[in-house]
Amino acid sequence: MKRFAFIALLAATVLAVAAPLSAQTMATSTITGKVTAEGAPLPGVRVVATSPRLQGPRGTVTDANGAYLLPFLPPGEYELTFSMDKMQTRRENLTLSGDLT
């Protein structure tokens, strides 16, 4: 009987700790796209997102299909920088809204 009481108390403690954590879920967004040159995919392009909402830049590199993905970004204003050796750097601004999924 004492063993069952300990397990029930432990389960109640875990639920009590998990409930406040789930209430603090933050809305996030994802930036995704494809970099092309004259219609052809462009692999190896460095894509960097900067925002006052981030603690530092968040970056990735396009894959063989020119695709990139920057997930779990907080809502806000962003500047994307696209760069590659021997290519002109391009910048784009965008606004992300939150998405609770």
PDB file of N, CA and C in Angstrom:
ATOM      1  N   MET A   1       0.822  -1.188   0.000  1.00  0.00           N
ATOM      2  CA  MET A   1       0.000   0.000   0.000  1.00  0.00           C
ATOM      3  C   MET A   1       0.867   1.253   0.000  1.00  0.00           C
ATOM      4  N   LYS A   2       1.969   1.264   0.778  1.00  0.00           N
ATOM      5  CA  LYS A   2       2.842   2.434   0.804  1.00  0.00           C
ATOM      6  C   LYS A   2       3.501   2.652  -0.550  1.00  0.00           C
ATOM      7  N   ARG A   3       3.842   1.575  -1.233  1.00  0.00           N
ATOM      8  CA  ARG A   3       4.483   1.709  -2.536  1.00  0.00           C
ATOM      9  C   ARG A   3       3.543   2.400  -3.522  1.00  0.00           C
ATOM     10  N   PHE A   4       2.292   2.043  -3.566  1.00  0.00           N
ATOM     11  CA  PHE A   4       1.307   2.675  -4.442  1.00  0.00           C
ATOM     12  C   PHE A   4       1.172   4.154  -4.120  1.00  0.00           C
ATOM     13  N   ALA A   5       1.148   4.525  -2.861  1.00  0.00           N
ATOM     14  CA  ALA A   5       1.022   5.931  -2.468  1.00  0.00           C
ATOM     15  C   ALA A   5       2.215   6.733  -2.967  1.00  0.00           C
ATOM     16  N   PHE A   6       3.412   6.185  -2.909  1.00  0.00           N
ATOM     17  CA  PHE A   6       4.609   6.874  -3.387  1.00  0.00           C
ATOM     18  C   PHE A   6       4.527   7.110  -4.896  1.00  0.00           C
ATOM     19  N   ILE A   7       4.100   6.101  -5.661  1.00  0.00           N
ATOM     20  CA  ILE A   7       3.982   6.230  -7.116  1.00  0.00           C
ATOM     21  C   ILE A   7       2.933   7.279  -7.470  1.00  0.00           C
ATOM     22  N   ALA A   8       1.806   7.284  -6.771  1.00  0.00           N
ATOM     23  CA  ALA A   8       0.765   8.277  -7.038  1.00  0.00           C
ATOM     24  C   ALA A   8       1.270   9.678  -6.725  1.00  0.00           C
ATOM     25  N   LEU A   9       2.017   9.844  -5.638  1.00  0.00           N
ATOM     26  CA  LEU A   9       2.566  11.146  -5.281  1.00  0.00           C
ATOM     27  C   LEU A   9       3.579  11.595  -6.323  1.00  0.00           C
ATOM     28  N   LEU A  10       4.422  10.678  -6.773  1.00  0.00           N
ATOM     29  CA  LEU A  10       5.401  10.989  -7.799  1.00  0.00           C
ATOM     30  C   LEU A  10       4.701  11.413  -9.093  1.00  0.00           C
ATOM     31  N   ALA A  11       3.660  10.702  -9.491  1.00  0.00           N
ATOM     32  CA  ALA A  11       2.919  11.049 -10.697  1.00  0.00           C
ATOM     33  C   ALA A  11       2.270  12.425 -10.551  1.00  0.00           C
ATOM     34  N   ALA A  12       1.720  12.737  -9.407  1.00  0.00           N
ATOM     35  CA  ALA A  12       1.100  14.045  -9.174  1.00  0.00           C
ATOM     36  C   ALA A  12       2.151  15.149  -9.225  1.00  0.00           C
ATOM     37  N   THR A  13       3.338  14.889  -8.724  1.00  0.00           N
ATOM     38  CA  THR A  13       4.418  15.868  -8.758  1.00  0.00           C
ATOM     39  C   THR A  13       4.847  16.133 -10.203  1.00  0.00           C
ATOM     40  N   VAL A  14       4.984  15.098 -11.005  1.00  0.00           N
ATOM     41  CA  VAL A  14       5.362  15.260 -12.408  1.00  0.00           C
ATOM     42  C   VAL A  14       4.297  16.056 -13.144  1.00  0.00           C
ATOM     43  N   LEU A  15       3.028  15.776 -12.923  1.00  0.00           N
ATOM     44  CA  LEU A  15       1.949  16.519 -13.574  1.00  0.00           C
ATOM     45  C   LEU A  15       1.936  17.971 -13.128  1.00  0.00           C
ATOM     46  N   ALA A  16       2.203  18.230 -11.863  1.00  0.00           N
ATOM     47  CA  ALA A  16       2.214  19.604 -11.358  1.00  0.00           C
ATOM     48  C   ALA A  16       3.341  20.404 -11.988  1.00  0.00           C
ATOM     49  N   VAL A  17       4.474  19.779 -12.250  1.00  0.00           N
ATOM     50  CA  VAL A  17       5.600  20.464 -12.886  1.00  0.00           C
ATOM     51  C   VAL A  17       5.341  20.635 -14.381  1.00  0.00           C
ATOM     52  N   ALA A  18       4.742  19.657 -15.041  1.00  0.00           N
ATOM     53  CA  ALA A  18       4.514  19.715 -16.486  1.00  0.00           C
ATOM     54  C   ALA A  18       3.442  20.733 -16.861  1.00  0.00           C
ATOM     55  N   ALA A  19       2.444  20.927 -16.044  1.00  0.00           N
ATOM     56  CA  ALA A  19       1.349  21.845 -16.375  1.00  0.00           C
ATOM     57  C   ALA A  19       1.829  23.278 -16.587  1.00  0.00           C
ATOM     58  N   PRO A  20       2.635  23.870 -15.682  1.00  0.00           N
ATOM     59  CA  PRO A  20       3.100  25.228 -15.927  1.00  0.00           C
ATOM     60  C   PRO A  20       3.997  25.325 -17.157  1.00  0.00           C
ATOM     61  N   LEU A  21       4.755  24.285 -17.457  1.00  0.00           N
ATOM     62  CA  LEU A  21       5.619  24.324 -18.628  1.00  0.00           C
ATOM     63  C   LEU A  21       4.799  24.376 -19.904  1.00  0.00           C
ATOM     64  N   SER A  22       3.716  23.634 -19.980  1.00  0.00           N
ATOM     65  CA  SER A  22       2.903  23.642 -21.190  1.00  0.00           C
ATOM     66  C   SER A  22       2.187  24.973 -21.367  1.00  0.00           C
ATOM     67  N   ALA A  23       1.917  25.683 -20.290  1.00  0.00           N
ATOM     68  CA  ALA A  23       1.250  26.970 -20.387  1.00  0.00           C
ATOM     69  C   ALA A  23       2.179  28.050 -20.929  1.00  0.00           C
ATOM     70  N   GLN A  24       3.489  27.803 -20.948  1.00  0.00           N
ATOM     71  CA  GLN A  24       4.446  28.791 -21.407  1.00  0.00           C
ATOM     72  C   GLN A  24       4.871  28.567 -22.857  1.00  0.00           C
ATOM     73  N   THR A  25       4.107  27.806 -23.624  1.00  0.00           N
ATOM     74  CA  THR A  25       4.434  27.551 -25.016  1.00  0.00           C
ATOM     75  C   THR A  25       4.425  28.858 -25.793  1.00  0.00           C
ATOM     76  N   MET A  26       5.491  29.096 -26.538  1.00  0.00           N
ATOM     77  CA  MET A  26       5.603  30.324 -27.301  1.00  0.00           C
ATOM     78  C   MET A  26       5.296  30.046 -28.766  1.00  0.00           C
ATOM     79  N   ALA A  27       4.591  30.962 -29.386  1.00  0.00           N
ATOM     80  CA  ALA A  27       4.300  30.836 -30.802  1.00  0.00           C
ATOM     81  C   ALA A  27       5.593  31.005 -31.594  1.00  0.00           C
ATOM     82  N   THR A  28       5.796  30.165 -32.592  1.00  0.00           N
ATOM     83  CA  THR A  28       6.977  30.266 -33.440  1.00  0.00           C
ATOM     84  C   THR A  28       6.575  30.183 -34.904  1.00  0.00           C
ATOM     85  N   SER A  29       7.488  30.569 -35.757  1.00  0.00           N
ATOM     86  CA  SER A  29       7.287  30.494 -37.200  1.00  0.00           C
ATOM     87  C   SER A  29       8.505  29.857 -37.843  1.00  0.00           C
ATOM     88  N   THR A  30       8.365  29.547 -39.108  1.00  0.00           N
ATOM     89  CA  THR A  30       9.436  28.946 -39.887  1.00  0.00           C
ATOM     90  C   THR A  30       9.633  29.749 -41.161  1.00  0.00           C
ATOM     91  N   ILE A  31      10.885  29.982 -41.509  1.00  0.00           N
ATOM     92  CA  ILE A  31      11.202  30.580 -42.800  1.00  0.00           C
ATOM     93  C   ILE A  31      11.716  29.464 -43.688  1.00  0.00           C
ATOM     94  N   THR A  32      11.111  29.307 -44.835  1.00  0.00           N
ATOM     95  CA  THR A  32      11.517  28.280 -45.777  1.00  0.00           C
ATOM     96  C   THR A  32      11.458  28.857 -47.182  1.00  0.00           C
ATOM     97  N   GLY A  33      12.282  28.348 -48.055  1.00  0.00           N
ATOM     98  CA  GLY A  33      12.266  28.845 -49.419  1.00  0.00           C
ATOM     99  C   GLY A  33      13.226  28.084 -50.300  1.00  0.00           C
ATOM    100  N   LYS A  34      13.379  28.597 -51.513  1.00  0.00           N
ATOM    101  CA  LYS A  34      14.264  27.980 -52.491  1.00  0.00           C
ATOM    102  C   LYS A  34      15.012  29.093 -53.204  1.00  0.00           C
ATOM    103  N   VAL A  35      16.329  28.964 -53.295  1.00  0.00           N
ATOM    104  CA  VAL A  35      17.164  29.941 -53.984  1.00  0.00           C
ATOM    105  C   VAL A  35      17.458  29.405 -55.379  1.00  0.00           C
ATOM    106  N   THR A  36      17.197  30.245 -56.373  1.00  0.00           N
ATOM    107  CA  THR A  36      17.448  29.855 -57.758  1.00  0.00           C
ATOM    108  C   THR A  36      18.220  30.953 -58.479  1.00  0.00           C
ATOM    109  N   ALA A  37      18.872  30.570 -59.545  1.00  0.00           N
ATOM    110  CA  ALA A  37      19.539  31.513 -60.446  1.00  0.00           C
ATOM    111  C   ALA A  37      19.091  31.154 -61.855  1.00  0.00           C
ATOM    112  N   GLU A  38      18.382  32.080 -62.500  1.00  0.00           N
ATOM    113  CA  GLU A  38      17.844  31.852 -63.839  1.00  0.00           C
ATOM    114  C   GLU A  38      16.991  30.590 -63.889  1.00  0.00           C
ATOM    115  N   GLY A  39      16.231  30.342 -62.820  1.00  0.00           N
ATOM    116  CA  GLY A  39      15.325  29.199 -62.752  1.00  0.00           C
ATOM    117  C   GLY A  39      15.943  27.903 -62.265  1.00  0.00           C
ATOM    118  N   ALA A  40      17.265  27.832 -62.164  1.00  0.00           N
ATOM    119  CA  ALA A  40      17.930  26.609 -61.709  1.00  0.00           C
ATOM    120  C   ALA A  40      18.215  26.694 -60.210  1.00  0.00           C
ATOM    121  N   PRO A  41      18.052  25.583 -59.459  1.00  0.00           N
ATOM    122  CA  PRO A  41      18.348  25.594 -58.023  1.00  0.00           C
ATOM    123  C   PRO A  41      19.792  25.979 -57.773  1.00  0.00           C
ATOM    124  N   LEU A  42      20.010  26.688 -56.669  1.00  0.00           N
ATOM    125  CA  LEU A  42      21.353  27.146 -56.327  1.00  0.00           C
ATOM    126  C   LEU A  42      21.759  26.562 -54.968  1.00  0.00           C
ATOM    127  N   PRO A  43      22.492  25.444 -54.949  1.00  0.00           N
ATOM    128  CA  PRO A  43      22.950  24.858 -53.682  1.00  0.00           C
ATOM    129  C   PRO A  43      24.134  25.634 -53.115  1.00  0.00           C
ATOM    130  N   GLY A  44      24.325  25.522 -51.808  1.00  0.00           N
ATOM    131  CA  GLY A  44      25.492  26.113 -51.153  1.00  0.00           C
ATOM    132  C   GLY A  44      25.380  27.586 -50.810  1.00  0.00           C
ATOM    133  N   VAL A  45      24.186  28.142 -50.893  1.00  0.00           N
ATOM    134  CA  VAL A  45      23.995  29.548 -50.529  1.00  0.00           C
ATOM    135  C   VAL A  45      23.805  29.638 -49.020  1.00  0.00           C
ATOM    136  N   ARG A  46      24.531  30.521 -48.389  1.00  0.00           N
ATOM    137  CA  ARG A  46      24.399  30.745 -46.940  1.00  0.00           C
ATOM    138  C   ARG A  46      23.216  31.682 -46.725  1.00  0.00           C
ATOM    139  N   VAL A  47      22.241  31.233 -45.913  1.00  0.00           N
ATOM    140  CA  VAL A  47      21.052  32.022 -45.588  1.00  0.00           C
ATOM    141  C   VAL A  47      21.109  32.334 -44.096  1.00  0.00           C
ATOM    142  N   VAL A  48      21.128  33.630 -43.749  1.00  0.00           N
ATOM    143  CA  VAL A  48      21.237  34.044 -42.350  1.00  0.00           C
ATOM    144  C   VAL A  48      20.076  34.966 -42.009  1.00  0.00           C
ATOM    145  N   ALA A  49      19.379  34.646 -40.921  1.00  0.00           N
ATOM    146  CA  ALA A  49      18.291  35.488 -40.415  1.00  0.00           C
ATOM    147  C   ALA A  49      18.782  36.231 -39.182  1.00  0.00           C
ATOM    148  N   THR A  50      18.546  37.547 -39.160  1.00  0.00           N
ATOM    149  CA  THR A  50      18.858  38.348 -37.979  1.00  0.00           C
ATOM    150  C   THR A  50      17.599  39.087 -37.559  1.00  0.00           C
ATOM    151  N   SER A  51      17.475  39.305 -36.257  1.00  0.00           N
ATOM    152  CA  SER A  51      16.309  39.985 -35.704  1.00  0.00           C
ATOM    153  C   SER A  51      16.618  40.406 -34.271  1.00  0.00           C
ATOM    154  N   PRO A  52      16.026  41.522 -33.825  1.00  0.00           N
ATOM    155  CA  PRO A  52      16.163  41.877 -32.408  1.00  0.00           C
ATOM    156  C   PRO A  52      15.552  40.814 -31.496  1.00  0.00           C
ATOM    157  N   ARG A  53      14.696  39.961 -32.038  1.00  0.00           N
ATOM    158  CA  ARG A  53      14.036  38.902 -31.258  1.00  0.00           C
ATOM    159  C   ARG A  53      14.943  37.691 -31.032  1.00  0.00           C
ATOM    160  N   LEU A  54      16.071  37.622 -31.739  1.00  0.00           N
ATOM    161  CA  LEU A  54      17.015  36.504 -31.585  1.00  0.00           C
ATOM    162  C   LEU A  54      18.204  36.925 -30.744  1.00  0.00           C
ATOM    163  N   GLN A  55      18.825  35.973 -30.074  1.00  0.00           N
ATOM    164  CA  GLN A  55      20.032  36.256 -29.287  1.00  0.00           C
ATOM    165  C   GLN A  55      21.257  36.351 -30.179  1.00  0.00           C
ATOM    166  N   GLY A  56      21.144  35.924 -31.401  1.00  0.00           N
ATOM    167  CA  GLY A  56      22.232  35.973 -32.377  1.00  0.00           C
ATOM    168  C   GLY A  56      21.694  35.540 -33.718  1.00  0.00           C
ATOM    169  N   PRO A  57      22.497  35.634 -34.751  1.00  0.00           N
ATOM    170  CA  PRO A  57      22.020  35.230 -36.079  1.00  0.00           C
ATOM    171  C   PRO A  57      21.687  33.746 -36.120  1.00  0.00           C
ATOM    172  N   ARG A  58      20.742  33.393 -36.958  1.00  0.00           N
ATOM    173  CA  ARG A  58      20.368  31.991 -37.183  1.00  0.00           C
ATOM    174  C   ARG A  58      20.593  31.713 -38.658  1.00  0.00           C
ATOM    175  N   GLY A  59      21.372  30.677 -38.979  1.00  0.00           N
ATOM    176  CA  GLY A  59      21.713  30.441 -40.374  1.00  0.00           C
ATOM    177  C   GLY A  59      21.626  29.005 -40.805  1.00  0.00           C
ATOM    178  N   THR A  60      21.645  28.832 -42.116  1.00  0.00           N
ATOM    179  CA  THR A  60      21.650  27.519 -42.743  1.00  0.00           C
ATOM    180  C   THR A  60      22.268  27.666 -44.126  1.00  0.00           C
ATOM    181  N   VAL A  61      22.391  26.556 -44.836  1.00  0.00           N
ATOM    182  CA  VAL A  61      22.923  26.547 -46.196  1.00  0.00           C
ATOM    183  C   VAL A  61      21.927  25.800 -47.079  1.00  0.00           C
ATOM    184  N   THR A  62      21.698  26.315 -48.291  1.00  0.00           N
ATOM    185  CA  THR A  62      20.759  25.648 -49.185  1.00  0.00           C
ATOM    186  C   THR A  62      21.280  24.268 -49.584  1.00  0.00           C
ATOM    187  N   ASP A  63      20.327  23.348 -49.759  1.00  0.00           N
ATOM    188  CA  ASP A  63      20.686  21.974 -50.132  1.00  0.00           C
ATOM    189  C   ASP A  63      20.851  21.851 -51.654  1.00  0.00           C
ATOM    190  N   ALA A  64      20.975  20.644 -52.139  1.00  0.00           N
ATOM    191  CA  ALA A  64      21.188  20.393 -53.569  1.00  0.00           C
ATOM    192  C   ALA A  64      20.049  20.929 -54.437  1.00  0.00           C
ATOM    193  N   ASN A  65      18.863  21.067 -53.853  1.00  0.00           N
ATOM    194  CA  ASN A  65      17.701  21.593 -54.579  1.00  0.00           C
ATOM    195  C   ASN A  65      17.534  23.098 -54.393  1.00  0.00           C
ATOM    196  N   GLY A  66      18.478  23.739 -53.695  1.00  0.00           N
ATOM    197  CA  GLY A  66      18.380  25.174 -53.438  1.00  0.00           C
ATOM    198  C   GLY A  66      17.447  25.514 -52.287  1.00  0.00           C
ATOM    199  N   ALA A  67      16.950  24.502 -51.578  1.00  0.00           N
ATOM    200  CA  ALA A  67      15.972  24.712 -50.499  1.00  0.00           C
ATOM    201  C   ALA A  67      16.668  25.024 -49.175  1.00  0.00           C
ATOM    202  N   TYR A  68      15.990  25.831 -48.355  1.00  0.00           N
ATOM    203  CA  TYR A  68      16.482  26.139 -47.012  1.00  0.00           C
ATOM    204  C   TYR A  68      15.322  26.164 -46.038  1.00  0.00           C
ATOM    205  N   LEU A  69      15.644  25.994 -44.737  1.00  0.00           N
ATOM    206  CA  LEU A  69      14.642  25.941 -43.679  1.00  0.00           C
ATOM    207  C   LEU A  69      15.242  26.525 -42.406  1.00  0.00           C
ATOM    208  N   LEU A  70      14.559  27.491 -41.838  1.00  0.00           N
ATOM    209  CA  LEU A  70      14.944  28.080 -40.551  1.00  0.00           C
ATOM    210  C   LEU A  70      13.729  27.966 -39.625  1.00  0.00           C
ATOM    211  N   PRO A  71      13.655  26.912 -38.792  1.00  0.00           N
ATOM    212  CA  PRO A  71      12.482  26.687 -37.950  1.00  0.00           C
ATOM    213  C   PRO A  71      12.580  27.356 -36.579  1.00  0.00           C
ATOM    214  N   PHE A  72      11.463  27.364 -35.869  1.00  0.00           N
ATOM    215  CA  PHE A  72      11.360  27.791 -34.470  1.00  0.00           C
ATOM    216  C   PHE A  72      11.829  29.222 -34.236  1.00  0.00           C
ATOM    217  N   LEU A  73      11.380  30.130 -35.065  1.00  0.00           N
ATOM    218  CA  LEU A  73      11.740  31.539 -34.921  1.00  0.00           C
ATOM    219  C   LEU A  73      10.605  32.291 -34.239  1.00  0.00           C
ATOM    220  N   PRO A  74      10.911  33.144 -33.274  1.00  0.00           N
ATOM    221  CA  PRO A  74       9.858  33.923 -32.634  1.00  0.00           C
ATOM    222  C   PRO A  74       9.294  34.970 -33.600  1.00  0.00           C
ATOM    223  N   PRO A  75       8.041  35.353 -33.422  1.00  0.00           N
ATOM    224  CA  PRO A  75       7.446  36.368 -34.291  1.00  0.00           C
ATOM    225  C   PRO A  75       8.244  37.676 -34.211  1.00  0.00           C
ATOM    226  N   GLY A  76       8.249  38.421 -35.308  1.00  0.00           N
ATOM    227  CA  GLY A  76       8.930  39.710 -35.317  1.00  0.00           C
ATOM    228  C   GLY A  76       9.469  40.063 -36.685  1.00  0.00           C
ATOM    229  N   GLU A  77      10.247  41.136 -36.716  1.00  0.00           N
ATOM    230  CA  GLU A  77      10.869  41.632 -37.940  1.00  0.00           C
ATOM    231  C   GLU A  77      12.200  40.913 -38.157  1.00  0.00           C
ATOM    232  N   TYR A  78      12.468  40.503 -39.394  1.00  0.00           N
ATOM    233  CA  TYR A  78      13.688  39.778 -39.736  1.00  0.00           C
ATOM    234  C   TYR A  78      14.337  40.357 -40.980  1.00  0.00           C
ATOM    235  N   GLU A  79      15.660  40.248 -41.018  1.00  0.00           N
ATOM    236  CA  GLU A  79      16.401  40.507 -42.245  1.00  0.00           C
ATOM    237  C   GLU A  79      17.068  39.208 -42.642  1.00  0.00           C
ATOM    238  N   LEU A  80      16.839  38.775 -43.883  1.00  0.00           N
ATOM    239  CA  LEU A  80      17.498  37.588 -44.423  1.00  0.00           C
ATOM    240  C   LEU A  80      18.627  38.033 -45.328  1.00  0.00           C
ATOM    241  N   THR A  81      19.780  37.403 -45.172  1.00  0.00           N
ATOM    242  CA  THR A  81      20.928  37.681 -46.020  1.00  0.00           C
ATOM    243  C   THR A  81      21.283  36.394 -46.761  1.00  0.00           C
ATOM    244  N   PHE A  82      21.383  36.488 -48.082  1.00  0.00           N
ATOM    245  CA  PHE A  82      21.739  35.363 -48.931  1.00  0.00           C
ATOM    246  C   PHE A  82      23.118  35.650 -49.504  1.00  0.00           C
ATOM    247  N   SER A  83      24.087  34.752 -49.249  1.00  0.00           N
ATOM    248  CA  SER A  83      25.445  35.002 -49.738  1.00  0.00           C
ATOM    249  C   SER A  83      26.094  33.712 -50.217  1.00  0.00           C
ATOM    250  N   MET A  84      27.010  33.905 -51.180  1.00  0.00           N
ATOM    251  CA  MET A  84      27.748  32.785 -51.746  1.00  0.00           C
ATOM    252  C   MET A  84      29.004  33.370 -52.390  1.00  0.00           C
ATOM    253  N   ASP A  85      30.107  32.629 -52.323  1.00  0.00           N
ATOM    254  CA  ASP A  85      31.347  33.105 -52.949  1.00  0.00           C
ATOM    255  C   ASP A  85      31.104  33.467 -54.409  1.00  0.00           C
ATOM    256  N   LYS A  86      31.697  34.573 -54.824  1.00  0.00           N
ATOM    257  CA  LYS A  86      31.648  35.054 -56.203  1.00  0.00           C
ATOM    258  C   LYS A  86      30.240  35.460 -56.651  1.00  0.00           C
ATOM    259  N   MET A  87      29.325  35.646 -55.704  1.00  0.00           N
ATOM    260  CA  MET A  87      27.966  36.083 -56.022  1.00  0.00           C
ATOM    261  C   MET A  87      27.648  37.333 -55.206  1.00  0.00           C
ATOM    262  N   GLN A  88      26.796  38.171 -55.744  1.00  0.00           N
ATOM    263  CA  GLN A  88      26.388  39.378 -55.029  1.00  0.00           C
ATOM    264  C   GLN A  88      25.479  38.988 -53.863  1.00  0.00           C
ATOM    265  N   THR A  89      25.718  39.584 -52.680  1.00  0.00           N
ATOM    266  CA  THR A  89      24.887  39.331 -51.500  1.00  0.00           C
ATOM    267  C   THR A  89      23.538  40.002 -51.682  1.00  0.00           C
ATOM    268  N   ARG A  90      22.491  39.314 -51.278  1.00  0.00           N
ATOM    269  CA  ARG A  90      21.130  39.864 -51.375  1.00  0.00           C
ATOM    270  C   ARG A  90      20.502  39.881 -49.991  1.00  0.00           C
ATOM    271  N   ARG A  91      19.734  40.935 -49.704  1.00  0.00           N
ATOM    272  CA  ARG A  91      19.048  41.063 -48.413  1.00  0.00           C
ATOM    273  C   ARG A  91      17.555  41.250 -48.656  1.00  0.00           C
ATOM    274  N   GLU A  92      16.769  40.644 -47.765  1.00  0.00           N
ATOM    275  CA  GLU A  92      15.316  40.794 -47.816  1.00  0.00           C
ATOM    276  C   GLU A  92      14.797  40.976 -46.394  1.00  0.00           C
ATOM    277  N   ASN A  93      13.789  41.809 -46.227  1.00  0.00           N
ATOM    278  CA  ASN A  93      13.130  42.003 -44.927  1.00  0.00           C
ATOM    279  C   ASN A  93      11.776  41.322 -44.943  1.00  0.00           C
ATOM    280  N   LEU A  94      11.399  40.764 -43.806  1.00  0.00           N
ATOM    281  CA  LEU A  94      10.080  40.152 -43.685  1.00  0.00           C
ATOM    282  C   LEU A  94       9.625  40.177 -42.239  1.00  0.00           C
ATOM    283  N   THR A  95       8.334  40.017 -42.058  1.00  0.00           N
ATOM    284  CA  THR A  95       7.724  39.968 -40.733  1.00  0.00           C
ATOM    285  C   THR A  95       7.113  38.600 -40.526  1.00  0.00           C
ATOM    286  N   LEU A  96       7.435  37.974 -39.395  1.00  0.00           N
ATOM    287  CA  LEU A  96       6.864  36.670 -39.058  1.00  0.00           C
ATOM    288  C   LEU A  96       5.791  36.839 -38.013  1.00  0.00           C
ATOM    289  N   SER A  97       4.694  36.132 -38.200  1.00  0.00           N
ATOM    290  CA  SER A  97       3.655  36.116 -37.166  1.00  0.00           C
ATOM    291  C   SER A  97       3.734  34.780 -36.438  1.00  0.00           C
ATOM    292  N   GLY A  98       3.167  34.705 -35.247  1.00  0.00           N
ATOM    293  CA  GLY A  98       3.207  33.474 -34.455  1.00  0.00           C
ATOM    294  C   GLY A  98       2.268  32.433 -35.006  1.00  0.00           C
ATOM    295  N   ASP A  99       2.571  31.165 -34.716  1.00  0.00           N
ATOM    296  CA  ASP A  99       1.795  30.045 -35.228  1.00  0.00           C
ATOM    297  C   ASP A  99       1.826  28.959 -34.166  1.00  0.00           C
ATOM    298  N   LEU A 100       0.737  28.796 -33.429  1.00  0.00           N
ATOM    299  CA  LEU A 100       0.673  27.744 -32.404  1.00  0.00           C
ATOM    300  C   LEU A 100       0.270  26.444 -33.059  1.00  0.00           C
ATOM    301  N   THR A 101       1.233  25.521 -33.148  1.00  0.00           N
ATOM    302  CA  THR A 101       0.938  24.210 -33.724  1.00  0.00           C
ATOM    303  C   THR A 101       1.326  23.129 -32.778  1.00  0.00           C
TER     304      THR A 101
END
